[in-house]
C-alpha atoms as a PDB file:
ATOM      1  CA  MET A   1      -0.046   0.031  -0.351  1.00  0.00           C
ATOM      2  CA  LYS A   2       0.831   3.594  -0.318  1.00  0.00           C
ATOM      3  CA  VAL A   3       0.626   5.057   2.987  1.00  0.00           C
ATOM      4  CA  CYS A   4       1.244   8.810   3.904  1.00  0.00           C
ATOM      5  CA  VAL A   5       1.564  10.127   7.275  1.00  0.00           C
ATOM      6  CA  ILE A   6       0.598  13.722   7.961  1.00  0.00           C
ATOM      7  CA  GLY A   7       2.333  14.510  11.182  1.00  0.00           C
ATOM      8  CA  ALA A   8       5.503  12.666  12.064  1.00  0.00           C
ATOM      9  CA  GLY A   9       5.597  13.715  15.934  1.00  0.00           C
ATOM     10  CA  ALA A  10       5.071  10.902  18.673  1.00  0.00           C
ATOM     11  CA  ILE A  11       2.154   9.022  17.288  1.00  0.00           C
ATOM     12  CA  GLY A  12       2.711   9.577  13.703  1.00  0.00           C
ATOM     13  CA  GLY A  13       6.261   8.965  13.898  1.00  0.00           C
ATOM     14  CA  PHE A  14       5.155   5.671  15.947  1.00  0.00           C
ATOM     15  CA  ILE A  15       2.668   4.539  13.267  1.00  0.00           C
ATOM     16  CA  GLY A  16       4.736   5.414  10.359  1.00  0.00           C
ATOM     17  CA  THR A  17       8.080   3.127  11.679  1.00  0.00           C
ATOM     18  CA  ARG A  18       5.752   0.011  11.903  1.00  0.00           C
ATOM     19  CA  LEU A  19       4.064   0.247   9.095  1.00  0.00           C
ATOM     20  CA  ALA A  20       7.232   0.954   6.879  1.00  0.00           C
ATOM     21  CA  LEU A  21       9.106  -2.183   9.316  1.00  0.00           C
ATOM     22  CA  ALA A  22       6.236  -4.506   8.311  1.00  0.00           C
ATOM     23  CA  GLY A  23       7.180  -4.790   4.351  1.00  0.00           C
ATOM     24  CA  GLY A  24       5.297  -4.256   1.823  1.00  0.00           C
ATOM     25  CA  ASN A  25       4.274  -0.759   1.948  1.00  0.00           C
ATOM     26  CA  ALA A  26       5.560   2.204   0.749  1.00  0.00           C
ATOM     27  CA  VAL A  27       5.153   4.827   3.652  1.00  0.00           C
ATOM     28  CA  SER A  28       5.677   8.610   3.390  1.00  0.00           C
ATOM     29  CA  ALA A  29       5.517  11.361   5.378  1.00  0.00           C
ATOM     30  CA  LEU A  30       4.161  14.977   5.017  1.00  0.00           C
ATOM     31  CA  ALA A  31       6.156  17.026   7.333  1.00  0.00           C
ATOM     32  CA  ARG A  32       8.123  20.402   7.707  1.00  0.00           C
ATOM     33  CA  GLY A  33      11.169  22.114   9.606  1.00  0.00           C
ATOM     34  CA  ALA A  34      13.016  19.828  11.475  1.00  0.00           C
ATOM     35  CA  THR A  35      11.145  16.844  11.575  1.00  0.00           C
ATOM     36  CA  LEU A  36      11.297  16.532   7.846  1.00  0.00           C
ATOM     37  CA  ALA A  37      15.068  17.063   7.713  1.00  0.00           C
ATOM     38  CA  ALA A  38      15.242  14.153  10.213  1.00  0.00           C
ATOM     39  CA  LEU A  39      13.158  11.845   8.135  1.00  0.00           C
ATOM     40  CA  ARG A  40      15.446  12.454   4.893  1.00  0.00           C
ATOM     41  CA  THR A  41      18.502  12.082   6.885  1.00  0.00           C
ATOM     42  CA  HIS A  42      17.575   9.019   8.893  1.00  0.00           C
ATOM     43  CA  GLY A  43      14.295   7.535   7.509  1.00  0.00           C
ATOM     44  CA  TRP A  44      11.348   6.378  10.100  1.00  0.00           C
ATOM     45  CA  ARG A  45      13.231   6.450  13.766  1.00  0.00           C
ATOM     46  CA  LEU A  46      11.603   3.972  16.919  1.00  0.00           C
ATOM     47  CA  ARG A  47      13.331   3.405  20.277  1.00  0.00           C
ATOM     48  CA  GLN A  48      11.202   0.662  21.612  1.00  0.00           C
ATOM     49  CA  GLY A  49      12.318  -1.817  24.587  1.00  0.00           C
ATOM     50  CA  GLY A  50      15.954  -0.514  24.621  1.00  0.00           C
ATOM     51  CA  GLU A  51      16.332  -0.951  20.912  1.00  0.00           C
ATOM     52  CA  LEU A  52      16.733   1.493  18.252  1.00  0.00           C
ATOM     53  CA  LEU A  53      14.486   0.673  15.049  1.00  0.00           C
ATOM     54  CA  ARG A  54      14.918   2.206  11.562  1.00  0.00           C
ATOM     55  CA  ALA A  55      13.198   2.009   8.558  1.00  0.00           C
ATOM     56  CA  ASP A  56      13.415   3.745   5.356  1.00  0.00           C
ATOM     57  CA  ALA A  57      10.866   6.446   4.520  1.00  0.00           C
ATOM     58  CA  ALA A  58       9.605   6.204   1.127  1.00  0.00           C
ATOM     59  CA  ALA A  59       9.543  10.044   0.727  1.00  0.00           C
ATOM     60  CA  ALA A  60       9.335  13.117   3.124  1.00  0.00           C
ATOM     61  CA  SER A  61       7.977  16.489   1.760  1.00  0.00           C
ATOM     62  CA  GLU A  62       5.870  19.469   2.943  1.00  0.00           C
ATOM     63  CA  GLN A  63       4.138  19.395  -0.066  1.00  0.00           C
ATOM     64  CA  ALA A  64       1.525  16.915  -0.632  1.00  0.00           C
ATOM     65  CA  ALA A  65       1.409  17.442  -4.607  1.00  0.00           C
ATOM     66  CA  GLU A  66       5.203  15.735  -4.360  1.00  0.00           C
ATOM     67  CA  LEU A  67       3.663  12.683  -2.643  1.00  0.00           C
ATOM     68  CA  GLY A  68       0.630  12.164  -5.100  1.00  0.00           C
ATOM     69  CA  VAL A  69      -2.181  10.047  -4.408  1.00  0.00           C
ATOM     70  CA  GLN A  70      -2.179   7.289  -1.561  1.00  0.00           C
ATOM     71  CA  ASP A  71      -3.998   4.155  -0.710  1.00  0.00           C
ATOM     72  CA  LEU A  72      -4.232   5.456   3.091  1.00  0.00           C
ATOM     73  CA  VAL A  73      -3.634   8.654   5.100  1.00  0.00           C
ATOM     74  CA  VAL A  74      -2.940   8.748   8.523  1.00  0.00           C
ATOM     75  CA  ILE A  75      -3.591  12.038  10.046  1.00  0.00           C
ATOM     76  CA  ALA A  76      -1.639  12.407  13.289  1.00  0.00           C
ATOM     77  CA  VAL A  77      -1.143  16.178  13.999  1.00  0.00           C
ATOM     78  CA  LYS A  78      -2.776  17.860  16.984  1.00  0.00           C
ATOM     79  CA  GLY A  79      -5.929  19.297  16.954  1.00  0.00           C
ATOM     80  CA  PRO A  80      -5.314  22.988  16.399  1.00  0.00           C
ATOM     81  CA  ALA A  81      -3.015  21.964  13.092  1.00  0.00           C
ATOM     82  CA  LEU A  82      -5.827  20.057  11.311  1.00  0.00           C
ATOM     83  CA  THR A  83      -7.753  22.448   9.878  1.00  0.00           C
ATOM     84  CA  GLU A  84      -4.346  24.072   7.992  1.00  0.00           C
ATOM     85  CA  VAL A  85      -3.982  20.295   6.831  1.00  0.00           C
ATOM     86  CA  ALA A  86      -7.588  19.731   5.764  1.00  0.00           C
ATOM     87  CA  ARG A  87      -6.483  22.786   3.532  1.00  0.00           C
ATOM     88  CA  GLY A  88      -3.783  21.029   1.566  1.00  0.00           C
ATOM     89  CA  ILE A  89      -4.783  17.139   1.729  1.00  0.00           C
ATOM     90  CA  THR A  90      -6.123  17.044  -1.813  1.00  0.00           C
ATOM     91  CA  PRO A  91      -3.360  16.139  -3.874  1.00  0.00           C
ATOM     92  CA  LEU A  92      -3.242  12.792  -1.434  1.00  0.00           C
ATOM     93  CA  LEU A  93      -6.789  12.072  -2.048  1.00  0.00           C
ATOM     94  CA  GLY A  94      -7.626   9.597  -4.809  1.00  0.00           C
ATOM     95  CA  ALA A  95     -11.101   7.836  -5.649  1.00  0.00           C
ATOM     96  CA  HIS A  96     -10.318   4.986  -3.003  1.00  0.00           C
ATOM     97  CA  THR A  97      -8.059   6.632  -0.526  1.00  0.00           C
ATOM     98  CA  LEU A  98      -9.239   5.978   3.150  1.00  0.00           C
ATOM     99  CA  VAL A  99      -8.269   8.282   5.890  1.00  0.00           C
ATOM    100  CA  LEU A 100      -7.435   7.425   9.253  1.00  0.00           C
ATOM    101  CA  PRO A 101      -7.229  10.496  11.611  1.00  0.00           C
ATOM    102  CA  ALA A 102      -5.134   9.202  14.684  1.00  0.00           C
ATOM    103  CA  MET A 103      -5.822  12.070  16.938  1.00  0.00           C
ATOM    104  CA  ASN A 104      -6.984  12.759  20.722  1.00  0.00           C
ATOM    105  CA  GLY A 105     -10.328  14.099  21.410  1.00  0.00           C
ATOM    106  CA  VAL A 106     -13.707  14.520  19.422  1.00  0.00           C
ATOM    107  CA  PRO A 107     -13.150  14.311  15.724  1.00  0.00           C
ATOM    108  CA  TRP A 108     -15.067  16.629  13.331  1.00  0.00           C
ATOM    109  CA  TRP A 109     -17.082  14.090  12.082  1.00  0.00           C
ATOM    110  CA  PHE A 110     -18.590  12.960  15.220  1.00  0.00           C
ATOM    111  CA  GLY A 111     -21.804  14.807  15.247  1.00  0.00           C
ATOM    112  CA  ARG A 112     -22.747  13.115  11.714  1.00  0.00           C
ATOM    113  CA  GLY A 113     -25.524  10.291  12.168  1.00  0.00           C
ATOM    114  CA  VAL A 114     -26.328  11.247  15.578  1.00  0.00           C
ATOM    115  CA  PRO A 115     -29.882  12.035  16.189  1.00  0.00           C
ATOM    116  CA  ALA A 116     -29.395  14.062  19.117  1.00  0.00           C
ATOM    117  CA  LEU A 117     -27.023  16.020  17.821  1.00  0.00           C
ATOM    118  CA  ASP A 118     -28.970  16.300  14.126  1.00  0.00           C
ATOM    119  CA  GLY A 119     -25.668  16.148  11.933  1.00  0.00           C
ATOM    120  CA  VAL A 120     -24.280  19.506  13.244  1.00  0.00           C
ATOM    121  CA  THR A 121     -21.292  20.626  12.641  1.00  0.00           C
ATOM    122  CA  LEU A 122     -19.256  20.809  15.747  1.00  0.00           C
ATOM    123  CA  GLU A 123     -17.752  24.362  15.734  1.00  0.00           C
ATOM    124  CA  SER A 124     -15.343  23.701  18.279  1.00  0.00           C
ATOM    125  CA  VAL A 125     -13.711  21.109  16.395  1.00  0.00           C
ATOM    126  CA  ASP A 126     -14.387  22.449  12.948  1.00  0.00           C
ATOM    127  CA  PRO A 127     -15.443  25.923  12.316  1.00  0.00           C
ATOM    128  CA  GLY A 128     -17.389  26.693   9.554  1.00  0.00           C
ATOM    129  CA  GLY A 129     -17.299  23.026   8.339  1.00  0.00           C
ATOM    130  CA  GLU A 130     -14.175  23.670   6.406  1.00  0.00           C
ATOM    131  CA  ILE A 131     -12.176  20.122   7.288  1.00  0.00           C
ATOM    132  CA  ALA A 132     -15.526  18.217   6.584  1.00  0.00           C
ATOM    133  CA  ARG A 133     -16.112  19.892   3.188  1.00  0.00           C
ATOM    134  CA  ALA A 134     -12.077  18.767   2.349  1.00  0.00           C
ATOM    135  CA  ILE A 135     -12.062  15.019   3.847  1.00  0.00           C
ATOM    136  CA  ALA A 136     -15.605  13.535   3.176  1.00  0.00           C
ATOM    137  CA  VAL A 137     -16.840  11.515   6.109  1.00  0.00           C
ATOM    138  CA  ALA A 138     -17.159   8.381   3.324  1.00  0.00           C
ATOM    139  CA  ARG A 139     -13.286   8.032   2.925  1.00  0.00           C
ATOM    140  CA  VAL A 140     -12.767   8.379   7.054  1.00  0.00           C
ATOM    141  CA  ILE A 141     -12.330   5.347   9.214  1.00  0.00           C
ATOM    142  CA  GLY A 142     -12.431   6.120  13.191  1.00  0.00           C
ATOM    143  CA  CYS A 143      -9.525   5.202  15.368  1.00  0.00           C
ATOM    144  CA  VAL A 144      -8.701   5.529  18.795  1.00  0.00           C
ATOM    145  CA  VAL A 145      -4.970   5.417  20.111  1.00  0.00           C
ATOM    146  CA  HIS A 146      -4.098   3.531  23.275  1.00  0.00           C
ATOM    147  CA  ALA A 147      -0.176   3.997  23.544  1.00  0.00           C
ATOM    148  CA  SER A 148       2.053   6.172  24.972  1.00  0.00           C
ATOM    149  CA  THR A 149       4.935   7.852  23.108  1.00  0.00           C
ATOM    150  CA  SER A 150       6.803  10.802  22.953  1.00  0.00           C
ATOM    151  CA  THR A 151       9.714  12.312  20.486  1.00  0.00           C
ATOM    152  CA  SER A 152      13.299  12.967  22.463  1.00  0.00           C
ATOM    153  CA  GLU A 153      14.349  15.073  19.271  1.00  0.00           C
ATOM    154  CA  PRO A 154      12.864  15.794  16.114  1.00  0.00           C
ATOM    155  CA  GLY A 155      12.173  12.517  13.884  1.00  0.00           C
ATOM    156  CA  LEU A 156      13.070  10.301  16.814  1.00  0.00           C
ATOM    157  CA  VAL A 157      10.271   8.438  18.596  1.00  0.00           C
ATOM    158  CA  GLU A 158      10.372   7.078  22.191  1.00  0.00           C
ATOM    159  CA  HIS A 159       7.554   4.375  23.270  1.00  0.00           C
ATOM    160  CA  LYS A 160       6.909   4.130  26.496  1.00  0.00           C
ATOM    161  CA  MET A 161       4.087   1.862  26.798  1.00  0.00           C
ATOM    162  CA  GLY A 162       0.596   0.440  24.953  1.00  0.00           C
ATOM    163  CA  GLN A 163       0.404  -0.397  21.308  1.00  0.00           C
ATOM    164  CA  GLY A 164      -3.354  -0.487  21.066  1.00  0.00           C
ATOM    165  CA  LEU A 165      -5.678   0.864  17.946  1.00  0.00           C
ATOM    166  CA  ILE A 166      -8.925   0.608  17.625  1.00  0.00           C
ATOM    167  CA  VAL A 167     -10.427   1.044  14.051  1.00  0.00           C
ATOM    168  CA  GLY A 168     -14.363   1.498  12.966  1.00  0.00           C
ATOM    169  CA  GLU A 169     -16.650   3.025  10.514  1.00  0.00           C
ATOM    170  CA  PRO A 170     -18.203   6.320  11.596  1.00  0.00           C
ATOM    171  CA  ALA A 171     -21.437   5.041  11.096  1.00  0.00           C
ATOM    172  CA  GLY A 172     -21.085   1.855  13.219  1.00  0.00           C
ATOM    173  CA  GLY A 173     -21.043  -1.715  12.279  1.00  0.00           C
ATOM    174  CA  GLU A 174     -18.610  -3.792  10.248  1.00  0.00           C
ATOM    175  CA  SER A 175     -17.100  -3.267   6.872  1.00  0.00           C
ATOM    176  CA  ALA A 176     -14.684  -5.350   4.611  1.00  0.00           C
ATOM    177  CA  ARG A 177     -12.534  -2.456   4.246  1.00  0.00           C
ATOM    178  CA  VAL A 178     -12.007  -1.857   8.007  1.00  0.00           C
ATOM    179  CA  ARG A 179     -10.907  -5.521   8.715  1.00  0.00           C
ATOM    180  CA  GLU A 180      -8.449  -5.231   5.530  1.00  0.00           C
ATOM    181  CA  LEU A 181      -7.046  -1.744   7.629  1.00  0.00           C
ATOM    182  CA  GLY A 182      -7.180  -3.846  10.723  1.00  0.00           C
ATOM    183  CA  ALA A 183      -4.973  -6.582   9.172  1.00  0.00           C
ATOM    184  CA  LEU A 184      -2.607  -4.263   7.977  1.00  0.00           C
ATOM    185  CA  LEU A 185      -2.173  -2.815  11.023  1.00  0.00           C
ATOM    186  CA  THR A 186      -2.211  -5.797  13.190  1.00  0.00           C
ATOM    187  CA  ARG A 187       0.831  -7.043  10.498  1.00  0.00           C
ATOM    188  CA  ALA A 188       2.515  -3.960  11.631  1.00  0.00           C
ATOM    189  CA  GLY A 189       2.514  -5.218  15.375  1.00  0.00           C
ATOM    190  CA  PHE A 190      -0.239  -3.016  16.897  1.00  0.00           C
ATOM    191  CA  ASP A 191      -2.911  -4.559  19.052  1.00  0.00           C
ATOM    192  CA  VAL A 192      -5.860  -4.176  16.842  1.00  0.00           C
ATOM    193  CA  THR A 193      -9.332  -3.966  17.902  1.00  0.00           C
ATOM    194  CA  VAL A 194     -12.075  -3.633  15.208  1.00  0.00           C
ATOM    195  CA  SER A 195     -15.021  -1.998  16.805  1.00  0.00           C
ATOM    196  CA  ALA A 196     -18.727  -2.091  15.604  1.00  0.00           C
ATOM    197  CA  ASP A 197     -19.036   1.528  17.563  1.00  0.00           C
ATOM    198  CA  ILE A 198     -15.908   3.336  17.273  1.00  0.00           C
ATOM    199  CA  ARG A 199     -17.965   6.759  18.193  1.00  0.00           C
ATOM    200  CA  LYS A 200     -18.525   5.306  21.783  1.00  0.00           C
ATOM    201  CA  ASP A 201     -15.096   4.309  22.294  1.00  0.00           C
ATOM    202  CA  ILE A 202     -13.747   7.944  21.098  1.00  0.00           C
ATOM    203  CA  TRP A 203     -15.724   8.871  23.787  1.00  0.00           C
ATOM    204  CA  TYR A 204     -14.562   6.631  26.573  1.00  0.00           C
ATOM    205  CA  LYS A 205     -11.318   7.466  25.914  1.00  0.00           C
ATOM    206  CA  LEU A 206     -12.361  11.189  26.041  1.00  0.00           C
ATOM    207  CA  TRP A 207     -13.814  10.587  29.290  1.00  0.00           C
ATOM    208  CA  GLY A 208     -11.060  10.280  31.114  1.00  0.00           C
ATOM    209  CA  ASN A 209      -8.250  12.293  29.103  1.00  0.00           C
ATOM    210  CA  MET A 210     -11.152  15.540  29.321  1.00  0.00           C
ATOM    211  CA  THR A 211     -10.110  15.975  33.089  1.00  0.00           C
ATOM    212  CA  MET A 212      -6.176  14.574  33.540  1.00  0.00           C
ATOM    213  CA  ASN A 213      -4.681  16.197  30.108  1.00  0.00           C
ATOM    214  CA  PRO A 214      -5.974  19.734  31.119  1.00  0.00           C
ATOM    215  CA  VAL A 215      -5.585  19.208  35.022  1.00  0.00           C
ATOM    216  CA  SER A 216      -2.262  18.121  34.597  1.00  0.00           C
ATOM    217  CA  ALA A 217      -1.381  20.935  31.970  1.00  0.00           C
ATOM    218  CA  ILE A 218      -2.262  23.543  34.540  1.00  0.00           C
ATOM    219  CA  THR A 219      -0.950  22.221  37.461  1.00  0.00           C
ATOM    220  CA  GLY A 220       2.450  20.459  36.122  1.00  0.00           C
ATOM    221  CA  ALA A 221       1.653  17.348  38.014  1.00  0.00           C
ATOM    222  CA  THR A 222       1.977  13.959  36.867  1.00  0.00           C
ATOM    223  CA  VAL A 223      -1.246  11.975  36.635  1.00  0.00           C
ATOM    224  CA  ASP A 224      -0.387   9.982  39.336  1.00  0.00           C
ATOM    225  CA  ARG A 225      -0.023  13.182  41.719  1.00  0.00           C
ATOM    226  CA  VAL A 226      -3.142  14.522  40.587  1.00  0.00           C
ATOM    227  CA  LEU A 227      -5.106  11.105  41.671  1.00  0.00           C
ATOM    228  CA  ALA A 228      -3.434  11.256  44.991  1.00  0.00           C
ATOM    229  CA  ASP A 229      -4.925  14.941  45.487  1.00  0.00           C
ATOM    230  CA  PRO A 230      -8.468  14.209  47.159  1.00  0.00           C
ATOM    231  CA  LEU A 231      -9.768  17.356  46.349  1.00  0.00           C
ATOM    232  CA  ALA A 232      -8.260  17.552  42.765  1.00  0.00           C
ATOM    233  CA  LEU A 233      -9.681  13.888  42.282  1.00  0.00           C
ATOM    234  CA  ALA A 234     -13.191  15.262  43.255  1.00  0.00           C
ATOM    235  CA  PHE A 235     -13.014  17.857  41.104  1.00  0.00           C
ATOM    236  CA  CYS A 236     -12.352  15.291  38.200  1.00  0.00           C
ATOM    237  CA  THR A 237     -15.041  13.040  39.135  1.00  0.00           C
ATOM    238  CA  ALA A 238     -17.334  15.543  39.402  1.00  0.00           C
ATOM    239  CA  ALA A 239     -16.762  16.654  35.753  1.00  0.00           C
ATOM    240  CA  MET A 240     -16.658  12.821  34.194  1.00  0.00           C
ATOM    241  CA  ARG A 241     -20.049  12.682  35.975  1.00  0.00           C
ATOM    242  CA  GLU A 242     -21.231  15.145  33.700  1.00  0.00           C
ATOM    243  CA  ALA A 243     -19.492  13.799  30.417  1.00  0.00           C
ATOM    244  CA  ALA A 244     -20.906  10.607  31.212  1.00  0.00           C
ATOM    245  CA  ALA A 245     -24.848  12.224  31.503  1.00  0.00           C
ATOM    246  CA  VAL A 246     -23.726  13.659  27.709  1.00  0.00           C
ATOM    247  CA  GLY A 247     -22.413  10.585  26.764  1.00  0.00           C
ATOM    248  CA  ALA A 248     -26.032   8.842  27.539  1.00  0.00           C
ATOM    249  CA  LEU A 249     -28.254  11.303  25.668  1.00  0.00           C
ATOM    250  CA  ILE A 250     -25.854  10.621  22.329  1.00  0.00           C
ATOM    251  CA  GLY A 251     -25.321   6.704  22.151  1.00  0.00           C
ATOM    252  CA  CYS A 252     -22.344   7.068  24.218  1.00  0.00           C
ATOM    253  CA  ALA A 253     -23.228   5.315  27.390  1.00  0.00           C
ATOM    254  CA  ILE A 254     -20.211   5.093  29.890  1.00  0.00           C
ATOM    255  CA  GLU A 255     -20.822   1.792  32.026  1.00  0.00           C
ATOM    256  CA  GLN A 256     -18.051   2.395  34.512  1.00  0.00           C
ATOM    257  CA  THR A 257     -18.340   4.576  37.304  1.00  0.00           C
ATOM    258  CA  PRO A 258     -15.372   7.877  37.495  1.00  0.00           C
ATOM    259  CA  GLU A 259     -13.977   5.484  40.432  1.00  0.00           C
ATOM    260  CA  ASP A 260     -13.838   2.235  38.144  1.00  0.00           C
ATOM    261  CA  ARG A 261     -11.748   4.350  35.567  1.00  0.00           C
ATOM    262  CA  HIS A 262      -9.242   6.092  38.463  1.00  0.00           C
ATOM    263  CA  VAL A 263      -8.550   2.580  39.431  1.00  0.00           C
ATOM    264  CA  ILE A 264      -7.486   1.674  35.682  1.00  0.00           C
ATOM    265  CA  THR A 265      -5.361   5.100  35.354  1.00  0.00           C
ATOM    266  CA  ARG A 266      -3.424   4.673  39.216  1.00  0.00           C
ATOM    267  CA  ARG A 267      -2.170   1.159  37.364  1.00  0.00           C
ATOM    268  CA  LEU A 268      -0.471   3.417  34.623  1.00  0.00           C
ATOM    269  CA  GLY A 269       2.093   5.069  37.163  1.00  0.00           C
ATOM    270  CA  SER A 270       3.703   8.315  36.957  1.00  0.00           C
ATOM    271  CA  PHE A 271       3.259   9.529  33.656  1.00  0.00           C
ATOM    272  CA  LYS A 272       2.814  12.865  31.672  1.00  0.00           C
ATOM    273  CA  PRO A 273       0.007  13.132  29.323  1.00  0.00           C
ATOM    274  CA  SER A 274       0.091  14.757  26.279  1.00  0.00           C
ATOM    275  CA  MET A 275      -1.106  17.848  27.325  1.00  0.00           C
ATOM    276  CA  LEU A 276       1.388  18.710  30.083  1.00  0.00           C
ATOM    277  CA  GLN A 277       4.048  17.605  27.399  1.00  0.00           C
ATOM    278  CA  ASP A 278       2.622  20.287  24.897  1.00  0.00           C
ATOM    279  CA  VAL A 279       3.019  22.706  27.691  1.00  0.00           C
ATOM    280  CA  GLU A 280       6.558  21.935  28.606  1.00  0.00           C
ATOM    281  CA  ALA A 281       7.428  21.971  24.649  1.00  0.00           C
ATOM    282  CA  GLY A 282       5.471  25.356  24.012  1.00  0.00           C
ATOM    283  CA  ARG A 283       3.040  23.912  21.311  1.00  0.00           C
ATOM    284  CA  ALA A 284      -0.547  24.793  21.218  1.00  0.00           C
ATOM    285  CA  LEU A 285      -2.834  22.727  23.602  1.00  0.00           C
ATOM    286  CA  GLU A 286      -5.748  20.522  22.114  1.00  0.00           C
ATOM    287  CA  LEU A 287      -8.101  22.162  24.439  1.00  0.00           C
ATOM    288  CA  ASP A 288     -11.146  22.415  21.712  1.00  0.00           C
ATOM    289  CA  ALA A 289     -11.002  18.791  20.781  1.00  0.00           C
ATOM    290  CA  ILE A 290     -10.889  17.448  24.597  1.00  0.00           C
ATOM    291  CA  VAL A 291     -13.121  19.814  26.308  1.00  0.00           C
ATOM    292  CA  THR A 292     -14.670  22.982  24.261  1.00  0.00           C
ATOM    293  CA  VAL A 293     -15.956  20.230  22.279  1.00  0.00           C
ATOM    294  CA  VAL A 294     -17.858  18.442  25.231  1.00  0.00           C
ATOM    295  CA  ARG A 295     -19.381  21.604  26.682  1.00  0.00           C
ATOM    296  CA  GLU A 296     -20.491  22.523  23.268  1.00  0.00           C
ATOM    297  CA  ILE A 297     -22.406  19.024  22.904  1.00  0.00           C
ATOM    298  CA  ALA A 298     -23.568  19.192  26.509  1.00  0.00           C
ATOM    299  CA  GLN A 299     -25.573  22.713  25.421  1.00  0.00           C
ATOM    300  CA  ARG A 300     -26.959  20.909  22.103  1.00  0.00           C
ATOM    301  CA  VAL A 301     -28.181  18.474  24.181  1.00  0.00           C
ATOM    302  CA  GLY A 302     -29.351  20.413  27.235  1.00  0.00           C
ATOM    303  CA  VAL A 303     -27.173  19.249  29.925  1.00  0.00           C
ATOM    304  CA  ALA A 304     -25.478  21.454  32.544  1.00  0.00           C
ATOM    305  CA  THR A 305     -21.947  20.978  33.014  1.00  0.00           C
ATOM    306  CA  PRO A 306     -21.070  23.758  35.642  1.00  0.00           C
ATOM    307  CA  ASN A 307     -17.378  21.727  36.533  1.00  0.00           C
ATOM    308  CA  ILE A 308     -16.532  21.212  32.537  1.00  0.00           C
ATOM    309  CA  ASP A 309     -17.150  24.840  32.513  1.00  0.00           C
ATOM    310  CA  ALA A 310     -14.770  25.523  35.394  1.00  0.00           C
ATOM    311  CA  LEU A 311     -12.341  23.223  33.724  1.00  0.00           C
ATOM    312  CA  LEU A 312     -12.606  24.790  30.334  1.00  0.00           C
ATOM    313  CA  GLY A 313     -12.273  28.617  31.938  1.00  0.00           C
ATOM    314  CA  LEU A 314      -9.414  27.592  33.914  1.00  0.00           C
ATOM    315  CA  ALA A 315      -7.622  25.314  31.209  1.00  0.00           C
ATOM    316  CA  ARG A 316      -8.213  28.300  28.478  1.00  0.00           C
ATOM    317  CA  LEU A 317      -6.592  30.852  30.289  1.00  0.00           C
ATOM    318  CA  PHE A 318      -3.311  29.235  31.623  1.00  0.00           C
ATOM    319  CA  ALA A 319      -3.013  28.647  28.162  1.00  0.00           C
ATOM    320  CA  ARG A 320      -3.684  32.022  26.686  1.00  0.00           C
ATOM    321  CA  SER A 321      -1.460  33.739  29.270  1.00  0.00           C
ATOM    322  CA  ARG A 322       1.346  31.695  27.668  1.00  0.00           C
ATOM    323  CA  GLY A 323       0.604  31.987  24.002  1.00  0.00           C
ATOM    324  CA  LEU A 324      -0.456  28.177  23.700  1.00  0.00           C
ATOM    325  CA  TYR A 325      -4.523  28.850  22.839  1.00  0.00           C
ATOM    326  CA  PRO A 326      -5.888  31.938  20.876  1.00  0.00           C
ATOM    327  CA  ALA A 327      -7.329  34.717  22.291  1.00  0.00           C
END
């Protein structure tokens, strides 16, 4: 397959390296700056289990037109960069190209097919519907990533734990193309789950990330320290109950309690979630796809979210004061 990874950072580099190492795939990258230079010099690089893995990149460019039409496009950029990606993605898309967004939070297509949302454009993640016009939902395969990775230098991915990928049709159900994609990713060494309800899987992951990510970013504390503080934990728990109430109205019911989820998170030990890593690196924060969109959906379905509102207000003010979120 011809595969292009847009955004060869921590997750994109992880997926790109694994696919390239699996053989039988021409894996290129749409990148820029130091990451582009590193890919051209060293190819794909992944440090995992004390071993440095390398694979040749089929091509690396900052111009989509130089890479041409692909069979699969993996989008692994941060949420704030997605609109720009959508504006330049057309040269990669042929009649049968699939698009796999391997990103955090609620995707732009999430409201399609949800009766409670009436197919609305979620303005917090797709202002004016620009992304939806550029990337037709018929191309999209939904994806949830369960892996902890980082970049120690441009183009060098450090894998800490997890290699799970959940994939599924945005409209739900099963399809041959999702099974084939799942097989491709399995051959690349991922723990793949083919889901009949990917929207619910997205909401479940968000349910935990929505609190731990911004609270960690604001405080500078690793997740284990957030969980160990009874007042911070109570606040996160209250916000999670609100998000669960929203999920129940949009077909994404959560069977667990927040306390159940905290037990799972504690097992991961001390780690910095992606939003804290972004603060430390001076990168724009993904607040909109992780927190703002939950508030927007809650308002559309009539659920009051005072704790989520407070979390968003504090995180947004924190990020704006550091130039990490637009005024």
